[in-house]
Amino acid sequence: MAHKKVPKVWGSEEWIVNRDYCGKKLILKKGFRCSMHYHKNKDETFYILKGRVLMETEGKKQIMLPGDSIHITPMLKHRFTGLEDSEIMEFSTHHEDEDSYRVEESGKVDLNKLDLRDIEK
C-alpha cells in the first residue's frame, strides 16, 4: 500500500495508516511551525525521532528531543516548532480534516526572536 504524502507549509506528513487509528511521520523544517490548533475528537501522541522541537500546549513550552513523547488530549491547543530539521511520529485516533480548529496559522519563525523563557525541562 502506497503512503499518502501531504505537503505542509512547515514540512510534510507521510500518512502510514488512517483507519480507526492513525499513524503519520511528520517532517518538520527548521524555523517553521504548525498552526496553533486543537481537535474536538482526535487524541494524539507525538514521539520525536530526530531533531529538536519546541512543543507548546496552552501556555506551556517544552523542548523535545529524540525519544521524548507527549500525549495531546482532545480540546488541548498545541503546536510544534522546528528548532532543527526534525522527524516526529504521530500516533492518534482517526484523522478527519474537519476536526482541526486553527487558532493561529502555521509558517516561518525567526528562531532568534523566539521566546524560550519558562521552558519545561
PDB file of N, CA and C in Angstrom:
ATOM      1  N   MET A   1       0.844  -1.182   0.000  1.00  0.00           N
ATOM      2  CA  MET A   1       0.000   0.000   0.000  1.00  0.00           C
ATOM      3  C   MET A   1       0.890   1.246   0.000  1.00  0.00           C
ATOM      4  N   ALA A   2       0.631   2.160  -0.921  1.00  0.00           N
ATOM      5  CA  ALA A   2       1.399   3.405  -1.001  1.00  0.00           C
ATOM      6  C   ALA A   2       0.973   4.355   0.111  1.00  0.00           C
ATOM      7  N   HIS A   3       1.942   5.021   0.681  1.00  0.00           N
ATOM      8  CA  HIS A   3       1.653   6.001   1.721  1.00  0.00           C
ATOM      9  C   HIS A   3       1.252   7.309   1.069  1.00  0.00           C
ATOM     10  N   LYS A   4       0.354   8.013   1.732  1.00  0.00           N
ATOM     11  CA  LYS A   4      -0.092   9.322   1.251  1.00  0.00           C
ATOM     12  C   LYS A   4       0.875  10.381   1.778  1.00  0.00           C
ATOM     13  N   LYS A   5       1.386  11.236   0.892  1.00  0.00           N
ATOM     14  CA  LYS A   5       2.280  12.320   1.303  1.00  0.00           C
ATOM     15  C   LYS A   5       1.530  13.639   1.177  1.00  0.00           C
ATOM     16  N   VAL A   6       1.506  14.416   2.270  1.00  0.00           N
ATOM     17  CA  VAL A   6       0.765  15.673   2.314  1.00  0.00           C
ATOM     18  C   VAL A   6       1.748  16.817   2.562  1.00  0.00           C
ATOM     19  N   PRO A   7       1.958  17.694   1.560  1.00  0.00           N
ATOM     20  CA  PRO A   7       2.848  18.841   1.773  1.00  0.00           C
ATOM     21  C   PRO A   7       2.220  19.850   2.738  1.00  0.00           C
ATOM     22  N   LYS A   8       3.046  20.435   3.577  1.00  0.00           N
ATOM     23  CA  LYS A   8       2.614  21.445   4.542  1.00  0.00           C
ATOM     24  C   LYS A   8       3.562  22.637   4.458  1.00  0.00           C
ATOM     25  N   VAL A   9       3.126  23.797   4.911  1.00  0.00           N
ATOM     26  CA  VAL A   9       3.988  24.983   4.969  1.00  0.00           C
ATOM     27  C   VAL A   9       5.246  24.660   5.779  1.00  0.00           C
ATOM     28  N   TRP A  10       5.092  23.915   6.857  1.00  0.00           N
ATOM     29  CA  TRP A  10       6.172  23.625   7.796  1.00  0.00           C
ATOM     30  C   TRP A  10       6.991  22.385   7.441  1.00  0.00           C
ATOM     31  N   GLY A  11       6.601  21.658   6.390  1.00  0.00           N
ATOM     32  CA  GLY A  11       7.305  20.429   6.018  1.00  0.00           C
ATOM     33  C   GLY A  11       6.364  19.500   5.280  1.00  0.00           C
ATOM     34  N   SER A  12       6.163  18.306   5.828  1.00  0.00           N
ATOM     35  CA  SER A  12       5.237  17.365   5.193  1.00  0.00           C
ATOM     36  C   SER A  12       4.795  16.290   6.175  1.00  0.00           C
ATOM     37  N   GLU A  13       3.714  15.615   5.806  1.00  0.00           N
ATOM     38  CA  GLU A  13       3.210  14.460   6.547  1.00  0.00           C
ATOM     39  C   GLU A  13       3.237  13.258   5.618  1.00  0.00           C
ATOM     40  N   GLU A  14       3.703  12.137   6.125  1.00  0.00           N
ATOM     41  CA  GLU A  14       3.597  10.876   5.408  1.00  0.00           C
ATOM     42  C   GLU A  14       2.603  10.020   6.184  1.00  0.00           C
ATOM     43  N   TRP A  15       1.430   9.817   5.588  1.00  0.00           N
ATOM     44  CA  TRP A  15       0.388   9.044   6.242  1.00  0.00           C
ATOM     45  C   TRP A  15       0.674   7.563   6.024  1.00  0.00           C
ATOM     46  N   ILE A  16       0.889   6.846   7.091  1.00  0.00           N
ATOM     47  CA  ILE A  16       1.176   5.422   7.017  1.00  0.00           C
ATOM     48  C   ILE A  16      -0.124   4.633   7.084  1.00  0.00           C
ATOM     49  N   VAL A  17      -1.030   5.067   7.954  1.00  0.00           N
ATOM     50  CA  VAL A  17      -2.333   4.413   8.086  1.00  0.00           C
ATOM     51  C   VAL A  17      -3.330   5.425   8.643  1.00  0.00           C
ATOM     52  N   ASN A  18      -4.601   5.321   8.241  1.00  0.00           N
ATOM     53  CA  ASN A  18      -5.660   6.163   8.801  1.00  0.00           C
ATOM     54  C   ASN A  18      -6.956   5.358   8.786  1.00  0.00           C
ATOM     55  N   ARG A  19      -7.105   4.517   9.791  1.00  0.00           N
ATOM     56  CA  ARG A  19      -8.313   3.695   9.952  1.00  0.00           C
ATOM     57  C   ARG A  19      -8.985   4.136  11.247  1.00  0.00           C
ATOM     58  N   ASP A  20      -9.284   3.204  12.146  1.00  0.00           N
ATOM     59  CA  ASP A  20      -9.767   3.594  13.473  1.00  0.00           C
ATOM     60  C   ASP A  20      -8.640   4.285  14.239  1.00  0.00           C
ATOM     61  N   TYR A  21      -7.437   4.005  13.832  1.00  0.00           N
ATOM     62  CA  TYR A  21      -6.229   4.607  14.386  1.00  0.00           C
ATOM     63  C   TYR A  21      -5.459   5.237  13.225  1.00  0.00           C
ATOM     64  N   CYS A  22      -4.530   6.126  13.552  1.00  0.00           N
ATOM     65  CA  CYS A  22      -3.778   6.835  12.516  1.00  0.00           C
ATOM     66  C   CYS A  22      -2.296   6.856  12.893  1.00  0.00           C
ATOM     67  N   GLY A  23      -1.445   6.683  11.904  1.00  0.00           N
ATOM     68  CA  GLY A  23      -0.003   6.795  12.098  1.00  0.00           C
ATOM     69  C   GLY A  23       0.588   7.651  10.996  1.00  0.00           C
ATOM     70  N   LYS A  24       1.351   8.664  11.383  1.00  0.00           N
ATOM     71  CA  LYS A  24       1.971   9.570  10.412  1.00  0.00           C
ATOM     72  C   LYS A  24       3.413   9.844  10.820  1.00  0.00           C
ATOM     73  N   LYS A  25       4.252  10.063   9.812  1.00  0.00           N
ATOM     74  CA  LYS A  25       5.598  10.573  10.048  1.00  0.00           C
ATOM     75  C   LYS A  25       5.587  12.027   9.599  1.00  0.00           C
ATOM     76  N   LEU A  26       5.923  12.930  10.514  1.00  0.00           N
ATOM     77  CA  LEU A  26       5.934  14.362  10.233  1.00  0.00           C
ATOM     78  C   LEU A  26       7.371  14.816  10.007  1.00  0.00           C
ATOM     79  N   ILE A  27       7.598  15.506   8.908  1.00  0.00           N
ATOM     80  CA  ILE A  27       8.907  16.083   8.608  1.00  0.00           C
ATOM     81  C   ILE A  27       8.777  17.589   8.848  1.00  0.00           C
ATOM     82  N   LEU A  28       9.460  18.078   9.876  1.00  0.00           N
ATOM     83  CA  LEU A  28       9.352  19.471  10.313  1.00  0.00           C
ATOM     84  C   LEU A  28      10.646  20.205   9.974  1.00  0.00           C
ATOM     85  N   LYS A  29      10.528  21.276   9.202  1.00  0.00           N
ATOM     86  CA  LYS A  29      11.702  22.050   8.790  1.00  0.00           C
ATOM     87  C   LYS A  29      12.123  23.021   9.893  1.00  0.00           C
ATOM     88  N   LYS A  30      13.435  23.190  10.026  1.00  0.00           N
ATOM     89  CA  LYS A  30      13.988  24.151  10.980  1.00  0.00           C
ATOM     90  C   LYS A  30      13.436  25.540  10.670  1.00  0.00           C
ATOM     91  N   GLY A  31      12.984  26.232  11.720  1.00  0.00           N
ATOM     92  CA  GLY A  31      12.493  27.595  11.557  1.00  0.00           C
ATOM     93  C   GLY A  31      11.050  27.696  11.098  1.00  0.00           C
ATOM     94  N   PHE A  32      10.324  26.584  11.136  1.00  0.00           N
ATOM     95  CA  PHE A  32       8.907  26.585  10.773  1.00  0.00           C
ATOM     96  C   PHE A  32       8.096  25.970  11.904  1.00  0.00           C
ATOM     97  N   ARG A  33       6.808  26.321  11.940  1.00  0.00           N
ATOM     98  CA  ARG A  33       5.925  25.722  12.941  1.00  0.00           C
ATOM     99  C   ARG A  33       4.557  25.468  12.336  1.00  0.00           C
ATOM    100  N   CYS A  34       3.877  24.517  12.932  1.00  0.00           N
ATOM    101  CA  CYS A  34       2.499  24.247  12.519  1.00  0.00           C
ATOM    102  C   CYS A  34       1.596  25.277  13.188  1.00  0.00           C
ATOM    103  N   SER A  35       0.360  25.296  12.799  1.00  0.00           N
ATOM    104  CA  SER A  35      -0.603  26.226  13.400  1.00  0.00           C
ATOM    105  C   SER A  35      -0.852  25.862  14.861  1.00  0.00           C
ATOM    106  N   MET A  36      -1.217  26.870  15.657  1.00  0.00           N
ATOM    107  CA  MET A  36      -1.745  26.582  16.991  1.00  0.00           C
ATOM    108  C   MET A  36      -3.162  26.098  16.724  1.00  0.00           C
ATOM    109  N   HIS A  37      -3.467  24.883  17.168  1.00  0.00           N
ATOM    110  CA  HIS A  37      -4.758  24.288  16.828  1.00  0.00           C
ATOM    111  C   HIS A  37      -5.182  23.284  17.893  1.00  0.00           C
ATOM    112  N   TYR A  38      -6.397  22.801  17.747  1.00  0.00           N
ATOM    113  CA  TYR A  38      -6.909  21.753  18.628  1.00  0.00           C
ATOM    114  C   TYR A  38      -7.862  20.884  17.828  1.00  0.00           C
ATOM    115  N   HIS A  39      -8.210  19.765  18.433  1.00  0.00           N
ATOM    116  CA  HIS A  39      -9.162  18.826  17.837  1.00  0.00           C
ATOM    117  C   HIS A  39     -10.237  18.536  18.879  1.00  0.00           C
ATOM    118  N   LYS A  40     -11.469  18.458  18.448  1.00  0.00           N
ATOM    119  CA  LYS A  40     -12.555  18.121  19.376  1.00  0.00           C
ATOM    120  C   LYS A  40     -12.577  16.631  19.688  1.00  0.00           C
ATOM    121  N   ASN A  41     -12.141  15.809  18.732  1.00  0.00           N
ATOM    122  CA  ASN A  41     -12.236  14.361  18.903  1.00  0.00           C
ATOM    123  C   ASN A  41     -10.898  13.635  18.922  1.00  0.00           C
ATOM    124  N   LYS A  42      -9.942  14.133  18.196  1.00  0.00           N
ATOM    125  CA  LYS A  42      -8.681  13.413  17.996  1.00  0.00           C
ATOM    126  C   LYS A  42      -7.827  13.405  19.254  1.00  0.00           C
ATOM    127  N   ASP A  43      -7.277  12.242  19.564  1.00  0.00           N
ATOM    128  CA  ASP A  43      -6.376  12.018  20.681  1.00  0.00           C
ATOM    129  C   ASP A  43      -5.023  11.629  20.072  1.00  0.00           C
ATOM    130  N   GLU A  44      -3.953  12.365  20.403  1.00  0.00           N
ATOM    131  CA  GLU A  44      -2.673  12.178  19.719  1.00  0.00           C
ATOM    132  C   GLU A  44      -1.526  11.947  20.694  1.00  0.00           C
ATOM    133  N   THR A  45      -0.551  11.182  20.238  1.00  0.00           N
ATOM    134  CA  THR A  45       0.737  11.081  20.911  1.00  0.00           C
ATOM    135  C   THR A  45       1.806  11.361  19.871  1.00  0.00           C
ATOM    136  N   PHE A  46       2.722  12.274  20.199  1.00  0.00           N
ATOM    137  CA  PHE A  46       3.843  12.600  19.324  1.00  0.00           C
ATOM    138  C   PHE A  46       5.120  12.024  19.935  1.00  0.00           C
ATOM    139  N   TYR A  47       5.954  11.414  19.090  1.00  0.00           N
ATOM    140  CA  TYR A  47       7.221  10.814  19.505  1.00  0.00           C
ATOM    141  C   TYR A  47       8.322  11.386  18.609  1.00  0.00           C
ATOM    142  N   ILE A  48       9.326  11.989  19.219  1.00  0.00           N
ATOM    143  CA  ILE A  48      10.397  12.636  18.454  1.00  0.00           C
ATOM    144  C   ILE A  48      11.422  11.588  18.019  1.00  0.00           C
ATOM    145  N   LEU A  49      11.629  11.502  16.713  1.00  0.00           N
ATOM    146  CA  LEU A  49      12.623  10.586  16.147  1.00  0.00           C
ATOM    147  C   LEU A  49      13.973  11.270  15.965  1.00  0.00           C
ATOM    148  N   LYS A  50      13.943  12.537  15.548  1.00  0.00           N
ATOM    149  CA  LYS A  50      15.170  13.240  15.160  1.00  0.00           C
ATOM    150  C   LYS A  50      14.965  14.738  15.352  1.00  0.00           C
ATOM    151  N   GLY A  51      16.024  15.440  15.772  1.00  0.00           N
ATOM    152  CA  GLY A  51      15.983  16.894  15.848  1.00  0.00           C
ATOM    153  C   GLY A  51      15.624  17.435  17.219  1.00  0.00           C
ATOM    154  N   ARG A  52      15.292  18.720  17.255  1.00  0.00           N
ATOM    155  CA  ARG A  52      14.845  19.422  18.465  1.00  0.00           C
ATOM    156  C   ARG A  52      13.574  20.161  18.111  1.00  0.00           C
ATOM    157  N   VAL A  53      12.552  19.976  18.945  1.00  0.00           N
ATOM    158  CA  VAL A  53      11.219  20.519  18.672  1.00  0.00           C
ATOM    159  C   VAL A  53      10.741  21.301  19.890  1.00  0.00           C
ATOM    160  N   LEU A  54      10.239  22.503  19.654  1.00  0.00           N
ATOM    161  CA  LEU A  54       9.568  23.259  20.711  1.00  0.00           C
ATOM    162  C   LEU A  54       8.093  22.911  20.638  1.00  0.00           C
ATOM    163  N   MET A  55       7.564  22.296  21.693  1.00  0.00           N
ATOM    164  CA  MET A  55       6.143  21.944  21.765  1.00  0.00           C
ATOM    165  C   MET A  55       5.468  22.928  22.711  1.00  0.00           C
ATOM    166  N   GLU A  56       4.381  23.535  22.239  1.00  0.00           N
ATOM    167  CA  GLU A  56       3.605  24.469  23.057  1.00  0.00           C
ATOM    168  C   GLU A  56       2.205  23.914  23.229  1.00  0.00           C
ATOM    169  N   THR A  57       1.747  23.899  24.476  1.00  0.00           N
ATOM    170  CA  THR A  57       0.384  23.471  24.786  1.00  0.00           C
ATOM    171  C   THR A  57      -0.211  24.463  25.768  1.00  0.00           C
ATOM    172  N   GLU A  58      -1.140  25.270  25.314  1.00  0.00           N
ATOM    173  CA  GLU A  58      -1.872  26.232  26.154  1.00  0.00           C
ATOM    174  C   GLU A  58      -1.005  26.892  27.220  1.00  0.00           C
ATOM    175  N   GLY A  59       0.020  27.618  26.779  1.00  0.00           N
ATOM    176  CA  GLY A  59       0.846  28.377  27.710  1.00  0.00           C
ATOM    177  C   GLY A  59       2.061  27.635  28.229  1.00  0.00           C
ATOM    178  N   LYS A  60       2.148  26.336  28.038  1.00  0.00           N
ATOM    179  CA  LYS A  60       3.321  25.571  28.464  1.00  0.00           C
ATOM    180  C   LYS A  60       4.216  25.341  27.257  1.00  0.00           C
ATOM    181  N   LYS A  61       5.531  25.435  27.503  1.00  0.00           N
ATOM    182  CA  LYS A  61       6.504  25.200  26.441  1.00  0.00           C
ATOM    183  C   LYS A  61       7.494  24.153  26.920  1.00  0.00           C
ATOM    184  N   GLN A  62       7.877  23.260  26.018  1.00  0.00           N
ATOM    185  CA  GLN A  62       8.937  22.322  26.351  1.00  0.00           C
ATOM    186  C   GLN A  62       9.727  21.973  25.102  1.00  0.00           C
ATOM    187  N   ILE A  63      11.028  21.791  25.290  1.00  0.00           N
ATOM    188  CA  ILE A  63      11.882  21.358  24.192  1.00  0.00           C
ATOM    189  C   ILE A  63      11.919  19.844  24.225  1.00  0.00           C
ATOM    190  N   MET A  64      11.602  19.253  23.078  1.00  0.00           N
ATOM    191  CA  MET A  64      11.556  17.800  22.973  1.00  0.00           C
ATOM    192  C   MET A  64      12.708  17.314  22.107  1.00  0.00           C
ATOM    193  N   LEU A  65      13.316  16.217  22.540  1.00  0.00           N
ATOM    194  CA  LEU A  65      14.475  15.622  21.886  1.00  0.00           C
ATOM    195  C   LEU A  65      14.146  14.195  21.461  1.00  0.00           C
ATOM    196  N   PRO A  66      14.989  13.572  20.638  1.00  0.00           N
ATOM    197  CA  PRO A  66      14.717  12.190  20.228  1.00  0.00           C
ATOM    198  C   PRO A  66      14.469  11.279  21.435  1.00  0.00           C
ATOM    199  N   GLY A  67      13.401  10.496  21.344  1.00  0.00           N
ATOM    200  CA  GLY A  67      12.998   9.605  22.429  1.00  0.00           C
ATOM    201  C   GLY A  67      11.926  10.193  23.324  1.00  0.00           C
ATOM    202  N   ASP A  68      11.699  11.509  23.251  1.00  0.00           N
ATOM    203  CA  ASP A  68      10.649  12.151  24.054  1.00  0.00           C
ATOM    204  C   ASP A  68       9.294  11.962  23.384  1.00  0.00           C
ATOM    205  N   SER A  69       8.250  11.910  24.210  1.00  0.00           N
ATOM    206  CA  SER A  69       6.886  11.832  23.675  1.00  0.00           C
ATOM    207  C   SER A  69       5.966  12.713  24.503  1.00  0.00           C
ATOM    208  N   ILE A  70       4.833  13.060  23.903  1.00  0.00           N
ATOM    209  CA  ILE A  70       3.824  13.867  24.590  1.00  0.00           C
ATOM    210  C   ILE A  70       2.447  13.421  24.123  1.00  0.00           C
ATOM    211  N   HIS A  71       1.516  13.369  25.064  1.00  0.00           N
ATOM    212  CA  HIS A  71       0.130  12.989  24.788  1.00  0.00           C
ATOM    213  C   HIS A  71      -0.710  14.263  24.711  1.00  0.00           C
ATOM    214  N   ILE A  72      -1.452  14.416  23.623  1.00  0.00           N
ATOM    215  CA  ILE A  72      -2.318  15.581  23.406  1.00  0.00           C
ATOM    216  C   ILE A  72      -3.765  15.092  23.404  1.00  0.00           C
ATOM    217  N   THR A  73      -4.522  15.520  24.395  1.00  0.00           N
ATOM    218  CA  THR A  73      -5.917  15.100  24.515  1.00  0.00           C
ATOM    219  C   THR A  73      -6.822  16.022  23.693  1.00  0.00           C
ATOM    220  N   PRO A  74      -8.030  15.579  23.372  1.00  0.00           N
ATOM    221  CA  PRO A  74      -8.963  16.447  22.644  1.00  0.00           C
ATOM    222  C   PRO A  74      -9.150  17.786  23.370  1.00  0.00           C
ATOM    223  N   MET A  75      -9.302  18.846  22.583  1.00  0.00           N
ATOM    224  CA  MET A  75      -9.540  20.223  23.032  1.00  0.00           C
ATOM    225  C   MET A  75      -8.288  20.944  23.538  1.00  0.00           C
ATOM    226  N   LEU A  76      -7.142  20.260  23.624  1.00  0.00           N
ATOM    227  CA  LEU A  76      -5.909  20.902  24.082  1.00  0.00           C
ATOM    228  C   LEU A  76      -5.234  21.608  22.903  1.00  0.00           C
ATOM    229  N   LYS A  77      -5.103  22.934  22.997  1.00  0.00           N
ATOM    230  CA  LYS A  77      -4.429  23.706  21.945  1.00  0.00           C
ATOM    231  C   LYS A  77      -2.941  23.359  21.963  1.00  0.00           C
ATOM    232  N   HIS A  78      -2.386  23.164  20.773  1.00  0.00           N
ATOM    233  CA  HIS A  78      -0.984  22.775  20.679  1.00  0.00           C
ATOM    234  C   HIS A  78      -0.379  23.186  19.344  1.00  0.00           C
ATOM    235  N   ARG A  79       0.956  23.287  19.348  1.00  0.00           N
ATOM    236  CA  ARG A  79       1.709  23.488  18.109  1.00  0.00           C
ATOM    237  C   ARG A  79       3.158  23.090  18.361  1.00  0.00           C
ATOM    238  N   PHE A  80       3.852  22.781  17.285  1.00  0.00           N
ATOM    239  CA  PHE A  80       5.270  22.458  17.381  1.00  0.00           C
ATOM    240  C   PHE A  80       6.061  23.317  16.414  1.00  0.00           C
ATOM    241  N   THR A  81       7.301  23.638  16.832  1.00  0.00           N
ATOM    242  CA  THR A  81       8.220  24.469  16.059  1.00  0.00           C
ATOM    243  C   THR A  81       9.526  23.711  15.894  1.00  0.00           C
ATOM    244  N   GLY A  82      10.071  23.707  14.682  1.00  0.00           N
ATOM    245  CA  GLY A  82      11.345  23.041  14.429  1.00  0.00           C
ATOM    246  C   GLY A  82      12.520  23.916  14.828  1.00  0.00           C
ATOM    247  N   LEU A  83      13.188  23.560  15.922  1.00  0.00           N
ATOM    248  CA  LEU A  83      14.416  24.249  16.311  1.00  0.00           C
ATOM    249  C   LEU A  83      15.579  23.722  15.476  1.00  0.00           C
ATOM    250  N   GLU A  84      15.405  22.519  14.931  1.00  0.00           N
ATOM    251  CA  GLU A  84      16.304  21.888  13.959  1.00  0.00           C
ATOM    252  C   GLU A  84      15.400  21.159  12.977  1.00  0.00           C
ATOM    253  N   ASP A  85      15.936  20.725  11.837  1.00  0.00           N
ATOM    254  CA  ASP A  85      15.173  19.818  10.985  1.00  0.00           C
ATOM    255  C   ASP A  85      14.841  18.595  11.835  1.00  0.00           C
ATOM    256  N   SER A  86      13.574  18.212  11.874  1.00  0.00           N
ATOM    257  CA  SER A  86      13.123  17.187  12.811  1.00  0.00           C
ATOM    258  C   SER A  86      12.182  16.191  12.150  1.00  0.00           C
ATOM    259  N   GLU A  87      12.095  15.015  12.766  1.00  0.00           N
ATOM    260  CA  GLU A  87      11.142  13.992  12.353  1.00  0.00           C
ATOM    261  C   GLU A  87      10.358  13.559  13.582  1.00  0.00           C
ATOM    262  N   ILE A  88       9.041  13.484  13.421  1.00  0.00           N
ATOM    263  CA  ILE A  88       8.135  13.184  14.527  1.00  0.00           C
ATOM    264  C   ILE A  88       7.177  12.091  14.078  1.00  0.00           C
ATOM    265  N   MET A  89       6.952  11.102  14.925  1.00  0.00           N
ATOM    266  CA  MET A  89       5.894  10.125  14.670  1.00  0.00           C
ATOM    267  C   MET A  89       4.645  10.593  15.404  1.00  0.00           C
ATOM    268  N   GLU A  90       3.529  10.548  14.707  1.00  0.00           N
ATOM    269  CA  GLU A  90       2.231  10.860  15.307  1.00  0.00           C
ATOM    270  C   GLU A  90       1.407   9.580  15.330  1.00  0.00           C
ATOM    271  N   PHE A  91       0.934   9.216  16.508  1.00  0.00           N
ATOM    272  CA  PHE A  91       0.021   8.095  16.688  1.00  0.00           C
ATOM    273  C   PHE A  91      -1.270   8.677  17.240  1.00  0.00           C
ATOM    274  N   SER A  92      -2.394   8.373  16.621  1.00  0.00           N
ATOM    275  CA  SER A  92      -3.634   9.023  17.056  1.00  0.00           C
ATOM    276  C   SER A  92      -4.852   8.186  16.716  1.00  0.00           C
ATOM    277  N   THR A  93      -5.976   8.688  17.181  1.00  0.00           N
ATOM    278  CA  THR A  93      -7.247   8.166  16.709  1.00  0.00           C
ATOM    279  C   THR A  93      -7.419   8.644  15.271  1.00  0.00           C
ATOM    280  N   HIS A  94      -8.449   8.206  14.607  1.00  0.00           N
ATOM    281  CA  HIS A  94      -8.690   8.502  13.193  1.00  0.00           C
ATOM    282  C   HIS A  94      -8.584  10.003  12.905  1.00  0.00           C
ATOM    283  N   HIS A  95      -7.926  10.342  11.792  1.00  0.00           N
ATOM    284  CA  HIS A  95      -7.773  11.746  11.388  1.00  0.00           C
ATOM    285  C   HIS A  95      -8.912  12.161  10.460  1.00  0.00           C
ATOM    286  N   GLU A  96      -9.539  13.273  10.786  1.00  0.00           N
ATOM    287  CA  GLU A  96     -10.534  13.930   9.924  1.00  0.00           C
ATOM    288  C   GLU A  96     -10.116  15.388   9.785  1.00  0.00           C
ATOM    289  N   ASP A  97      -9.968  15.882   8.552  1.00  0.00           N
ATOM    290  CA  ASP A  97      -9.579  17.284   8.351  1.00  0.00           C
ATOM    291  C   ASP A  97     -10.545  18.245   9.039  1.00  0.00           C
ATOM    292  N   GLU A  98     -11.818  17.882   9.082  1.00  0.00           N
ATOM    293  CA  GLU A  98     -12.845  18.756   9.676  1.00  0.00           C
ATOM    294  C   GLU A  98     -12.693  18.889  11.190  1.00  0.00           C
ATOM    295  N   ASP A  99     -11.833  18.075  11.811  1.00  0.00           N
ATOM    296  CA  ASP A  99     -11.650  18.107  13.259  1.00  0.00           C
ATOM    297  C   ASP A  99     -10.413  18.927  13.659  1.00  0.00           C
ATOM    298  N   SER A 100      -9.897  19.751  12.765  1.00  0.00           N
ATOM    299  CA  SER A 100      -8.771  20.635  13.083  1.00  0.00           C
ATOM    300  C   SER A 100      -9.279  22.072  13.135  1.00  0.00           C
ATOM    301  N   TYR A 101      -9.107  22.704  14.296  1.00  0.00           N
ATOM    302  CA  TYR A 101      -9.584  24.067  14.525  1.00  0.00           C
ATOM    303  C   TYR A 101      -8.369  24.958  14.787  1.00  0.00           C
ATOM    304  N   ARG A 102      -8.037  25.811  13.824  1.00  0.00           N
ATOM    305  CA  ARG A 102      -6.826  26.619  13.895  1.00  0.00           C
ATOM    306  C   ARG A 102      -7.074  27.949  14.614  1.00  0.00           C
ATOM    307  N   VAL A 103      -6.176  28.259  15.548  1.00  0.00           N
ATOM    308  CA  VAL A 103      -6.233  29.495  16.322  1.00  0.00           C
ATOM    309  C   VAL A 103      -5.225  30.503  15.758  1.00  0.00           C
ATOM    310  N   GLU A 104      -4.047  30.023  15.361  1.00  0.00           N
ATOM    311  CA  GLU A 104      -3.012  30.830  14.705  1.00  0.00           C
ATOM    312  C   GLU A 104      -2.467  30.014  13.547  1.00  0.00           C
ATOM    313  N   GLU A 105      -2.136  30.674  12.455  1.00  0.00           N
ATOM    314  CA  GLU A 105      -1.667  29.980  11.251  1.00  0.00           C
ATOM    315  C   GLU A 105      -0.247  29.433  11.409  1.00  0.00           C
ATOM    316  N   SER A 106       0.082  28.468  10.579  1.00  0.00           N
ATOM    317  CA  SER A 106       1.438  27.926  10.528  1.00  0.00           C
ATOM    318  C   SER A 106       2.319  28.850   9.694  1.00  0.00           C
ATOM    319  N   GLY A 107       3.637  28.671   9.797  1.00  0.00           N
ATOM    320  CA  GLY A 107       4.524  29.476   8.972  1.00  0.00           C
ATOM    321  C   GLY A 107       5.955  29.502   9.457  1.00  0.00           C
ATOM    322  N   LYS A 108       6.716  30.407   8.880  1.00  0.00           N
ATOM    323  CA  LYS A 108       8.135  30.571   9.212  1.00  0.00           C
ATOM    324  C   LYS A 108       8.259  31.364  10.510  1.00  0.00           C
ATOM    325  N   VAL A 109       9.291  31.030  11.288  1.00  0.00           N
ATOM    326  CA  VAL A 109       9.538  31.672  12.577  1.00  0.00           C
ATOM    327  C   VAL A 109      10.991  32.137  12.612  1.00  0.00           C
ATOM    328  N   ASP A 110      11.231  33.337  13.141  1.00  0.00           N
ATOM    329  CA  ASP A 110      12.599  33.794  13.367  1.00  0.00           C
ATOM    330  C   ASP A 110      13.057  33.180  14.688  1.00  0.00           C
ATOM    331  N   LEU A 111      13.889  32.151  14.605  1.00  0.00           N
ATOM    332  CA  LEU A 111      14.312  31.439  15.813  1.00  0.00           C
ATOM    333  C   LEU A 111      15.078  32.340  16.772  1.00  0.00           C
ATOM    334  N   ASN A 112      15.727  33.390  16.263  1.00  0.00           N
ATOM    335  CA  ASN A 112      16.463  34.314  17.131  1.00  0.00           C
ATOM    336  C   ASN A 112      15.527  35.163  17.989  1.00  0.00           C
ATOM    337  N   LYS A 113      14.284  35.292  17.580  1.00  0.00           N
ATOM    338  CA  LYS A 113      13.314  36.098  18.327  1.00  0.00           C
ATOM    339  C   LYS A 113      12.331  35.238  19.115  1.00  0.00           C
ATOM    340  N   LEU A 114      12.515  33.937  19.084  1.00  0.00           N
ATOM    341  CA  LEU A 114      11.612  33.021  19.782  1.00  0.00           C
ATOM    342  C   LEU A 114      11.819  33.141  21.287  1.00  0.00           C
ATOM    343  N   ASP A 115      10.743  33.306  22.035  1.00  0.00           N
ATOM    344  CA  ASP A 115      10.813  33.424  23.491  1.00  0.00           C
ATOM    345  C   ASP A 115      10.904  32.024  24.090  1.00  0.00           C
ATOM    346  N   LEU A 116      12.087  31.669  24.563  1.00  0.00           N
ATOM    347  CA  LEU A 116      12.291  30.341  25.141  1.00  0.00           C
ATOM    348  C   LEU A 116      12.386  30.389  26.663  1.00  0.00           C
ATOM    349  N   ARG A 117      11.865  31.461  27.259  1.00  0.00           N
ATOM    350  CA  ARG A 117      11.803  31.518  28.722  1.00  0.00           C
ATOM    351  C   ARG A 117      10.697  30.580  29.192  1.00  0.00           C
ATOM    352  N   ASP A 118      10.739  30.213  30.441  1.00  0.00           N
ATOM    353  CA  ASP A 118       9.706  29.364  31.051  1.00  0.00           C
ATOM    354  C   ASP A 118       9.569  28.020  30.336  1.00  0.00           C
ATOM    355  N   ILE A 119      10.684  27.465  29.904  1.00  0.00           N
ATOM    356  CA  ILE A 119      10.669  26.168  29.235  1.00  0.00           C
ATOM    357  C   ILE A 119      10.646  25.071  30.290  1.00  0.00           C
ATOM    358  N   GLU A 120       9.747  24.105  30.107  1.00  0.00           N
ATOM    359  CA  GLU A 120       9.719  22.929  30.984  1.00  0.00           C
ATOM    360  C   GLU A 120      10.872  22.031  30.620  1.00  0.00           C
ATOM    361  N   LYS A 121      11.541  21.525  31.627  1.00  0.00           N
ATOM    362  CA  LYS A 121      12.664  20.607  31.380  1.00  0.00           C
ATOM    363  C   LYS A 121      12.190  19.180  31.508  1.00  0.00           C
TER     364      LYS A 121
END
